[in-house]
N, C-alpha and C. Protein backbone atom coordinates (compact mmCIF):
# COMPACT_ATOMS: atom_id res chain seq x y z
N MET A 1 -2.89 9.74 -14.28
CA MET A 1 -1.95 8.88 -14.82
C MET A 1 -1.02 8.20 -13.84
N ILE A 2 -0.95 6.95 -13.91
CA ILE A 2 -0.10 6.30 -12.92
C ILE A 2 1.24 6.05 -13.65
N ARG A 3 2.39 6.02 -12.86
CA ARG A 3 3.63 5.98 -13.38
C ARG A 3 4.67 5.49 -12.17
N PRO A 4 5.75 5.06 -12.58
CA PRO A 4 6.74 4.84 -11.53
C PRO A 4 7.07 5.87 -10.67
N ALA A 5 7.23 5.54 -9.59
CA ALA A 5 7.82 6.79 -8.55
C ALA A 5 9.16 7.03 -8.99
N ALA A 6 9.61 8.36 -8.86
CA ALA A 6 10.93 8.93 -9.22
C ALA A 6 11.35 9.31 -7.83
N PHE A 7 12.76 9.32 -7.66
CA PHE A 7 13.36 9.94 -6.42
C PHE A 7 13.05 11.22 -5.96
N ALA A 8 12.71 12.00 -7.14
CA ALA A 8 12.38 13.48 -6.79
C ALA A 8 11.06 13.53 -6.32
N ASP A 9 10.13 12.50 -6.41
CA ASP A 9 8.88 12.40 -5.74
C ASP A 9 8.86 12.23 -4.24
N THR A 10 9.94 11.75 -3.72
CA THR A 10 9.85 11.54 -2.36
C THR A 10 9.50 12.44 -1.33
N PRO A 11 9.87 13.66 -1.29
CA PRO A 11 9.47 14.63 -0.30
C PRO A 11 7.91 14.94 -0.46
N GLU A 12 7.44 14.90 -1.69
CA GLU A 12 5.99 15.31 -1.85
C GLU A 12 5.25 13.99 -1.38
N LEU A 13 5.66 12.85 -1.56
CA LEU A 13 4.90 11.56 -1.07
C LEU A 13 4.98 11.51 0.49
N VAL A 14 6.13 11.77 1.05
CA VAL A 14 6.25 11.98 2.54
C VAL A 14 5.16 13.07 2.97
N ARG A 15 5.16 14.25 2.43
CA ARG A 15 4.33 15.30 2.80
C ARG A 15 2.84 14.93 2.66
N LEU A 16 2.53 14.37 1.55
CA LEU A 16 1.15 14.01 1.46
C LEU A 16 0.64 12.96 2.46
N THR A 17 1.55 11.95 2.64
CA THR A 17 1.28 10.83 3.57
C THR A 17 1.00 11.58 4.99
N ASP A 18 1.89 12.36 5.31
CA ASP A 18 1.89 13.01 6.71
C ASP A 18 0.59 13.85 6.73
N ALA A 19 0.17 14.53 5.68
CA ALA A 19 -1.02 15.38 5.85
C ALA A 19 -2.38 14.61 5.72
N THR A 20 -2.31 13.32 5.57
CA THR A 20 -3.64 12.59 5.66
C THR A 20 -4.09 12.68 7.06
N GLY A 21 -3.15 12.66 8.02
CA GLY A 21 -3.56 12.68 9.42
C GLY A 21 -3.64 11.24 10.11
N LEU A 22 -3.34 10.28 9.28
CA LEU A 22 -3.53 8.95 9.68
C LEU A 22 -2.37 8.27 10.38
N PHE A 23 -1.08 8.76 9.84
CA PHE A 23 0.10 8.20 10.21
C PHE A 23 0.81 8.99 11.46
N LYS A 24 1.46 7.95 12.41
CA LYS A 24 2.23 8.54 13.29
C LYS A 24 3.64 9.18 12.92
N PRO A 25 4.28 9.94 13.69
CA PRO A 25 5.69 10.42 13.21
C PRO A 25 6.47 9.40 12.81
N LEU A 26 6.51 8.21 13.67
CA LEU A 26 7.37 7.25 13.48
C LEU A 26 7.14 6.41 12.16
N GLU A 27 5.91 6.52 11.76
CA GLU A 27 5.72 5.93 10.54
C GLU A 27 6.03 6.85 9.37
N ILE A 28 5.95 8.02 9.53
CA ILE A 28 6.32 9.01 8.48
C ILE A 28 7.88 8.80 8.30
N GLU A 29 8.63 8.74 9.41
CA GLU A 29 10.01 8.62 9.37
C GLU A 29 10.42 7.33 8.49
N ALA A 30 9.64 6.23 8.83
CA ALA A 30 9.85 5.00 8.31
C ALA A 30 9.68 5.04 6.80
N LEU A 31 8.59 5.75 6.37
CA LEU A 31 8.16 5.95 4.90
C LEU A 31 9.61 6.54 4.23
N GLN A 32 10.07 7.52 4.74
CA GLN A 32 11.25 8.33 4.21
C GLN A 32 12.32 7.16 3.97
N GLY A 33 12.47 6.37 4.97
CA GLY A 33 13.58 5.24 4.87
C GLY A 33 13.25 4.27 3.77
N VAL A 34 11.89 3.97 3.76
CA VAL A 34 11.49 2.86 2.70
C VAL A 34 11.70 3.36 1.41
N LEU A 35 11.43 4.69 1.05
CA LEU A 35 11.49 5.25 -0.14
C LEU A 35 12.87 5.57 -0.49
N ASP A 36 13.71 5.93 0.36
CA ASP A 36 15.20 6.09 0.15
C ASP A 36 15.81 4.72 -0.13
N ASP A 37 15.45 3.51 0.51
CA ASP A 37 15.94 2.21 0.39
C ASP A 37 15.36 1.73 -1.15
N TYR A 38 14.23 2.09 -1.44
CA TYR A 38 13.54 1.66 -2.60
C TYR A 38 14.42 2.19 -3.90
N HIS A 39 14.97 3.60 -3.78
CA HIS A 39 15.57 4.16 -4.96
C HIS A 39 17.00 3.61 -4.90
N ALA A 40 17.47 3.26 -3.57
CA ALA A 40 18.94 2.89 -3.53
C ALA A 40 19.21 1.55 -4.18
N THR A 41 18.29 0.62 -3.68
CA THR A 41 18.64 -0.80 -3.84
C THR A 41 17.32 -1.57 -4.16
N ASN A 42 16.34 -1.43 -3.35
CA ASN A 42 15.18 -2.39 -3.12
C ASN A 42 14.43 -2.47 -4.52
N HIS A 43 14.45 -1.46 -5.44
CA HIS A 43 13.95 -1.52 -6.72
C HIS A 43 14.55 -2.75 -7.55
N GLU A 44 15.75 -3.06 -7.25
CA GLU A 44 16.36 -4.15 -7.86
C GLU A 44 15.92 -5.45 -7.32
N LEU A 45 15.26 -5.51 -6.27
CA LEU A 45 14.81 -6.78 -5.35
C LEU A 45 13.38 -6.97 -5.81
N GLY A 46 12.73 -6.24 -6.86
CA GLY A 46 11.34 -6.43 -7.19
C GLY A 46 10.41 -5.55 -6.37
N HIS A 47 10.82 -4.57 -5.59
CA HIS A 47 9.84 -3.80 -4.89
C HIS A 47 9.46 -2.87 -5.91
N LEU A 48 8.23 -2.25 -5.89
CA LEU A 48 7.61 -1.26 -6.82
C LEU A 48 7.06 -0.15 -6.13
N ALA A 49 7.23 1.00 -6.51
CA ALA A 49 6.39 2.10 -6.15
C ALA A 49 5.91 2.97 -7.33
N ILE A 50 4.59 3.18 -7.18
CA ILE A 50 3.93 3.84 -8.29
C ILE A 50 3.25 5.21 -7.80
N VAL A 51 2.94 6.12 -8.66
CA VAL A 51 2.41 7.48 -8.31
C VAL A 51 1.25 7.78 -9.22
N VAL A 52 0.20 8.16 -8.64
CA VAL A 52 -0.93 8.70 -9.49
C VAL A 52 -0.76 10.18 -9.55
N GLU A 53 -0.71 10.84 -10.58
CA GLU A 53 -0.75 12.25 -10.76
C GLU A 53 -1.58 12.90 -11.60
N ASP A 54 -1.72 14.13 -11.45
CA ASP A 54 -2.63 14.95 -12.38
C ASP A 54 -1.64 16.23 -12.66
N ALA A 55 -1.47 16.38 -13.91
CA ALA A 55 -0.69 17.66 -14.44
C ALA A 55 0.60 17.84 -13.67
N GLY A 56 1.33 16.43 -13.46
CA GLY A 56 2.49 16.51 -12.87
C GLY A 56 2.69 16.61 -11.34
N THR A 57 1.51 16.74 -10.70
CA THR A 57 1.39 16.81 -9.35
C THR A 57 1.01 15.44 -8.77
N PRO A 58 1.99 14.72 -7.91
CA PRO A 58 1.51 13.51 -7.19
C PRO A 58 0.23 13.60 -6.35
N LEU A 59 -0.81 12.76 -6.53
CA LEU A 59 -1.99 12.75 -5.69
C LEU A 59 -2.03 11.58 -4.85
N GLY A 60 -1.24 10.70 -5.06
CA GLY A 60 -1.22 9.41 -4.40
C GLY A 60 -0.22 8.47 -4.79
N TYR A 61 -0.05 7.34 -4.19
CA TYR A 61 0.98 6.30 -4.36
C TYR A 61 0.74 4.98 -3.71
N ALA A 62 1.38 4.14 -4.14
CA ALA A 62 1.32 2.82 -3.65
C ALA A 62 2.77 2.14 -3.51
N TYR A 63 2.95 1.44 -2.65
CA TYR A 63 4.29 0.56 -2.56
C TYR A 63 4.07 -0.85 -2.17
N TYR A 64 4.58 -1.74 -3.00
CA TYR A 64 4.32 -3.16 -2.86
C TYR A 64 5.56 -3.86 -3.35
N ALA A 65 5.64 -5.38 -2.79
CA ALA A 65 6.73 -5.92 -3.09
C ALA A 65 6.25 -7.52 -2.79
N PRO A 66 7.11 -8.42 -3.62
CA PRO A 66 7.07 -9.68 -3.31
C PRO A 66 7.38 -10.08 -1.82
N THR A 67 6.83 -11.07 -1.17
CA THR A 67 6.87 -11.43 0.14
C THR A 67 8.04 -12.53 0.20
N GLU A 68 9.05 -12.31 0.75
CA GLU A 68 10.18 -13.40 0.83
C GLU A 68 9.79 -14.56 1.44
N MET A 69 10.14 -15.56 1.27
CA MET A 69 9.95 -16.91 1.55
C MET A 69 8.56 -17.44 1.33
N THR A 70 7.83 -17.01 0.33
CA THR A 70 6.57 -17.39 0.01
C THR A 70 6.53 -17.76 -1.50
N ASP A 71 5.37 -18.51 -1.88
CA ASP A 71 5.26 -18.83 -3.27
C ASP A 71 4.24 -17.85 -3.73
N ARG A 72 4.76 -16.77 -4.46
CA ARG A 72 4.12 -15.73 -5.28
C ARG A 72 3.14 -14.91 -4.43
N THR A 73 3.43 -14.70 -3.19
CA THR A 73 2.70 -13.93 -2.17
C THR A 73 3.23 -12.37 -2.30
N TRP A 74 2.53 -11.37 -2.39
CA TRP A 74 2.94 -10.19 -2.28
C TRP A 74 2.33 -9.33 -1.21
N HIS A 75 3.03 -8.17 -0.80
CA HIS A 75 2.53 -7.29 0.31
C HIS A 75 2.29 -5.81 -0.47
N LEU A 76 1.06 -5.40 0.03
CA LEU A 76 0.94 -3.91 -0.23
C LEU A 76 1.32 -3.28 1.08
N TYR A 77 2.48 -2.57 1.06
CA TYR A 77 2.96 -1.84 2.37
C TYR A 77 2.53 -0.55 2.38
N TRP A 78 2.14 0.17 1.52
CA TRP A 78 1.74 1.65 1.70
C TRP A 78 0.79 1.85 0.49
N ILE A 79 -0.17 2.53 0.90
CA ILE A 79 -1.10 3.35 -0.16
C ILE A 79 -1.71 4.50 0.39
N ALA A 80 -1.70 5.62 -0.27
CA ALA A 80 -2.05 6.85 0.36
C ALA A 80 -2.39 7.71 -0.78
N VAL A 81 -3.63 8.56 -0.62
CA VAL A 81 -4.15 9.47 -1.48
C VAL A 81 -3.98 10.95 -0.75
N VAL A 82 -3.86 11.90 -1.42
CA VAL A 82 -3.87 13.34 -0.84
C VAL A 82 -5.26 13.53 -0.27
N LYS A 83 -5.29 14.08 0.94
CA LYS A 83 -6.39 14.11 1.76
C LYS A 83 -7.67 14.70 0.99
N ASN A 84 -7.53 15.93 0.22
CA ASN A 84 -8.68 16.42 -0.31
C ASN A 84 -9.01 15.74 -1.67
N ARG A 85 -8.51 14.60 -1.95
CA ARG A 85 -9.02 13.81 -3.13
C ARG A 85 -9.51 12.43 -2.53
N GLN A 86 -9.37 12.05 -1.29
CA GLN A 86 -9.83 10.83 -0.89
C GLN A 86 -11.37 10.63 -1.09
N GLY A 87 -11.70 9.38 -1.41
CA GLY A 87 -13.11 9.13 -1.87
C GLY A 87 -13.48 9.51 -3.30
N ALA A 88 -12.56 9.93 -4.11
CA ALA A 88 -12.82 10.31 -5.48
C ALA A 88 -12.39 9.18 -6.42
N GLY A 89 -11.93 7.96 -5.87
CA GLY A 89 -11.71 6.85 -6.75
C GLY A 89 -10.26 6.66 -7.07
N LEU A 90 -9.15 7.60 -6.62
CA LEU A 90 -7.88 7.44 -6.84
C LEU A 90 -7.28 6.34 -6.18
N GLY A 91 -7.66 6.04 -4.81
CA GLY A 91 -7.24 4.77 -4.21
C GLY A 91 -7.63 3.49 -4.87
N SER A 92 -8.82 3.58 -5.32
CA SER A 92 -9.43 2.31 -6.02
C SER A 92 -8.53 2.08 -7.32
N GLU A 93 -8.31 3.32 -7.96
CA GLU A 93 -7.53 3.13 -9.22
C GLU A 93 -6.15 2.61 -9.01
N LEU A 94 -5.54 3.15 -7.89
CA LEU A 94 -4.03 2.56 -7.60
C LEU A 94 -4.12 1.13 -7.05
N LEU A 95 -5.12 0.67 -6.45
CA LEU A 95 -5.21 -0.74 -5.83
C LEU A 95 -5.54 -1.53 -7.05
N ARG A 96 -6.41 -1.18 -7.94
CA ARG A 96 -6.67 -2.05 -9.23
C ARG A 96 -5.18 -2.22 -10.00
N TYR A 97 -4.53 -1.02 -10.15
CA TYR A 97 -3.18 -1.14 -10.95
C TYR A 97 -2.25 -2.25 -10.27
N VAL A 98 -2.09 -2.11 -8.75
CA VAL A 98 -1.44 -2.94 -8.10
C VAL A 98 -1.72 -4.30 -8.39
N GLU A 99 -3.10 -4.65 -8.13
CA GLU A 99 -3.54 -6.06 -8.42
C GLU A 99 -3.15 -6.54 -9.72
N ASN A 100 -3.54 -5.67 -10.69
CA ASN A 100 -3.23 -6.21 -12.10
C ASN A 100 -1.79 -6.44 -12.29
N ASP A 101 -0.95 -5.49 -11.93
CA ASP A 101 0.52 -5.65 -12.00
C ASP A 101 1.01 -6.84 -11.31
N ILE A 102 0.59 -7.12 -10.19
CA ILE A 102 0.92 -8.28 -9.47
C ILE A 102 0.47 -9.62 -10.21
N ARG A 103 -0.78 -9.63 -10.66
CA ARG A 103 -1.09 -10.76 -11.63
C ARG A 103 -0.31 -11.04 -12.75
N ALA A 104 0.04 -9.92 -13.45
CA ALA A 104 0.89 -9.96 -14.67
C ALA A 104 2.41 -10.59 -14.22
N ARG A 105 2.69 -10.23 -13.11
CA ARG A 105 3.96 -10.92 -12.69
C ARG A 105 3.91 -12.36 -11.99
N GLY A 106 2.57 -12.87 -12.19
CA GLY A 106 2.46 -14.25 -11.46
C GLY A 106 2.15 -14.23 -10.17
N GLY A 107 1.82 -13.20 -9.43
CA GLY A 107 1.53 -13.24 -7.99
C GLY A 107 0.22 -13.92 -7.83
N ARG A 108 0.07 -14.65 -6.88
CA ARG A 108 -1.20 -15.34 -6.52
C ARG A 108 -1.98 -14.72 -5.41
N LEU A 109 -1.28 -14.09 -4.44
CA LEU A 109 -2.07 -13.56 -3.17
C LEU A 109 -1.32 -12.20 -2.84
N LEU A 110 -2.37 -11.27 -2.52
CA LEU A 110 -1.88 -9.97 -1.95
C LEU A 110 -2.32 -9.95 -0.58
N VAL A 111 -1.41 -9.35 0.31
CA VAL A 111 -1.69 -9.22 1.80
C VAL A 111 -1.53 -7.78 2.15
N ILE A 112 -2.47 -7.31 3.02
CA ILE A 112 -2.47 -5.96 3.35
C ILE A 112 -2.61 -5.77 4.78
N GLU A 113 -1.70 -5.13 5.39
CA GLU A 113 -1.98 -4.96 6.90
C GLU A 113 -2.32 -3.58 7.36
N THR A 114 -3.19 -3.34 8.31
CA THR A 114 -3.45 -1.89 8.75
C THR A 114 -3.87 -2.05 10.33
N SER A 115 -4.14 -0.85 10.83
CA SER A 115 -4.50 -0.80 12.12
C SER A 115 -6.01 -1.01 12.50
N SER A 116 -6.26 -1.56 13.72
CA SER A 116 -7.51 -1.84 14.28
C SER A 116 -8.10 -0.64 14.92
N THR A 117 -7.62 0.56 15.05
CA THR A 117 -8.01 1.82 15.76
C THR A 117 -9.25 2.29 15.00
N PRO A 118 -10.15 3.06 15.58
CA PRO A 118 -11.23 3.69 14.88
C PRO A 118 -10.85 4.63 13.73
N ILE A 119 -9.73 5.27 13.74
CA ILE A 119 -9.35 6.23 12.63
C ILE A 119 -9.20 5.54 11.37
N TYR A 120 -8.95 4.19 11.46
CA TYR A 120 -8.87 3.27 10.27
C TYR A 120 -9.96 2.44 9.83
N ASP A 121 -11.30 2.89 10.35
CA ASP A 121 -12.52 2.24 9.97
C ASP A 121 -12.67 2.39 8.47
N SER A 122 -12.46 3.55 7.99
CA SER A 122 -12.80 3.85 6.55
C SER A 122 -11.67 3.03 5.64
N THR A 123 -10.51 2.78 6.17
CA THR A 123 -9.49 2.12 5.39
C THR A 123 -9.99 0.56 5.38
N ARG A 124 -10.38 -0.01 6.49
CA ARG A 124 -10.77 -1.39 6.54
C ARG A 124 -12.02 -1.50 5.58
N ARG A 125 -12.85 -0.60 5.49
CA ARG A 125 -14.10 -0.77 4.79
C ARG A 125 -13.63 -0.69 3.35
N PHE A 126 -12.75 0.17 3.08
CA PHE A 126 -12.13 0.24 1.48
C PHE A 126 -11.69 -1.21 1.11
N TYR A 127 -10.93 -1.88 1.98
CA TYR A 127 -10.25 -3.17 1.46
C TYR A 127 -11.57 -4.17 1.34
N LEU A 128 -12.51 -4.16 2.26
CA LEU A 128 -13.58 -5.03 2.24
C LEU A 128 -14.32 -4.80 0.95
N LYS A 129 -14.59 -3.55 0.71
CA LYS A 129 -15.34 -3.12 -0.72
C LYS A 129 -14.67 -3.66 -1.92
N HIS A 130 -13.24 -3.85 -1.87
CA HIS A 130 -12.63 -4.21 -3.02
C HIS A 130 -12.23 -5.81 -2.95
N GLY A 131 -13.06 -6.33 -2.18
CA GLY A 131 -13.21 -7.88 -2.25
C GLY A 131 -11.96 -8.46 -1.43
N TYR A 132 -11.39 -7.91 -0.42
CA TYR A 132 -10.39 -8.44 0.47
C TYR A 132 -11.19 -9.10 1.56
N HIS A 133 -10.49 -10.17 2.10
CA HIS A 133 -10.98 -10.97 3.29
C HIS A 133 -10.17 -10.44 4.41
N GLN A 134 -11.00 -10.40 5.60
CA GLN A 134 -10.26 -9.98 6.83
C GLN A 134 -9.74 -11.35 7.24
N ALA A 135 -8.46 -11.72 7.24
CA ALA A 135 -7.98 -12.96 7.43
C ALA A 135 -7.42 -13.08 8.91
N ALA A 136 -6.97 -12.09 9.72
CA ALA A 136 -6.46 -12.12 10.89
C ALA A 136 -6.51 -10.95 11.63
N THR A 137 -6.47 -10.93 12.98
CA THR A 137 -6.31 -9.72 13.78
C THR A 137 -5.36 -10.00 14.92
N VAL A 138 -4.44 -9.31 14.98
CA VAL A 138 -3.43 -9.56 16.05
C VAL A 138 -3.68 -8.22 17.20
N GLU A 139 -4.31 -8.62 18.36
CA GLU A 139 -4.41 -7.54 19.22
C GLU A 139 -3.14 -6.84 19.80
N ASP A 140 -3.25 -5.48 19.99
CA ASP A 140 -2.14 -4.89 20.61
C ASP A 140 -0.80 -5.03 19.83
N PHE A 141 -0.78 -5.22 18.50
CA PHE A 141 0.30 -5.48 17.72
C PHE A 141 1.32 -4.20 17.59
N TYR A 142 0.61 -3.20 17.12
CA TYR A 142 1.46 -1.90 16.98
C TYR A 142 1.65 -1.12 18.32
N ALA A 143 0.63 -1.25 19.16
CA ALA A 143 0.79 -0.69 20.47
C ALA A 143 -0.44 -1.25 21.23
N ASP A 144 -0.43 -0.97 22.61
CA ASP A 144 -1.57 -1.38 23.43
C ASP A 144 -2.86 -0.67 22.77
N GLY A 145 -3.79 -1.53 22.58
CA GLY A 145 -4.96 -0.90 22.04
C GLY A 145 -5.04 -0.70 20.45
N ASP A 146 -3.90 -1.00 19.99
CA ASP A 146 -3.79 -0.74 18.42
C ASP A 146 -3.28 -2.06 17.76
N GLY A 147 -4.27 -3.00 17.31
CA GLY A 147 -4.05 -4.20 16.76
C GLY A 147 -3.69 -4.18 15.34
N MET A 148 -3.34 -5.11 14.68
CA MET A 148 -3.01 -5.19 13.34
C MET A 148 -4.18 -6.05 12.81
N VAL A 149 -4.78 -5.56 11.61
CA VAL A 149 -5.86 -6.39 10.91
C VAL A 149 -5.28 -6.74 9.66
N MET A 150 -5.14 -7.96 9.34
CA MET A 150 -4.63 -8.42 7.96
C MET A 150 -5.86 -8.78 7.00
N PHE A 151 -5.55 -8.27 5.77
CA PHE A 151 -6.49 -8.61 4.63
C PHE A 151 -5.88 -9.27 3.71
N THR A 152 -6.56 -10.28 3.06
CA THR A 152 -5.77 -10.80 2.01
C THR A 152 -6.82 -11.03 0.74
N LYS A 153 -6.35 -11.25 -0.45
CA LYS A 153 -7.18 -11.29 -1.82
C LYS A 153 -6.31 -12.32 -2.68
N ARG A 154 -6.99 -13.40 -3.15
CA ARG A 154 -6.49 -14.31 -4.02
C ARG A 154 -6.39 -13.59 -5.50
N LEU A 155 -5.38 -13.48 -6.14
CA LEU A 155 -5.26 -12.77 -7.47
C LEU A 155 -5.25 -13.80 -8.64
N LEU A 156 -4.82 -15.00 -8.29
CA LEU A 156 -4.86 -16.02 -9.32
C LEU A 156 -5.24 -17.46 -8.67
N GLY A 157 -5.82 -18.35 -9.44
CA GLY A 157 -6.33 -19.40 -8.99
C GLY A 157 -5.53 -20.44 -8.26
N ASP A 158 -5.96 -21.40 -7.77
CA ASP A 158 -5.05 -22.35 -6.97
C ASP A 158 -4.01 -22.93 -7.77
N ALA A 159 -4.09 -23.14 -9.01
CA ALA A 159 -3.06 -23.65 -9.82
C ALA A 159 -2.13 -22.79 -10.36
N GLY A 160 -2.24 -21.45 -9.84
CA GLY A 160 -1.12 -20.39 -10.36
C GLY A 160 -1.72 -19.67 -11.62
N GLY A 161 -2.93 -19.91 -11.99
CA GLY A 161 -3.35 -19.26 -13.20
C GLY A 161 -4.79 -18.86 -13.33
């Protein structure tokens, strides 16, 4: 079941993200701040956080928002699935939900950024498998040897529909 994230989910979402082994301590700390800000104010600005759960246990989540100063462009900032359920379709389910929700809100383009390091090879393949286009790479963006890879997917036609 996919539902809106609740404030009470925050500790579990941070824990499951950390347990994936993909994120640096600085990123886990940032996630805590992102979720705190979401529940405090950013939900009022159109930011969205969703959770996929089974029997009340969060198994993954996504965080996305409209991109300021753009015409109906959105960013998917976070998507994560508990490590022992990766590859079982939960990430695909979350991504489809996000895309459909953004379409329903009139969004035309979804942007996703990720790391260029080898640990993110499967993440980049995931986006390509779901029809995303690798639009750009910025070498050494996050750190020396850790570039940013940007993926995009058009969700609505050129005329906005």
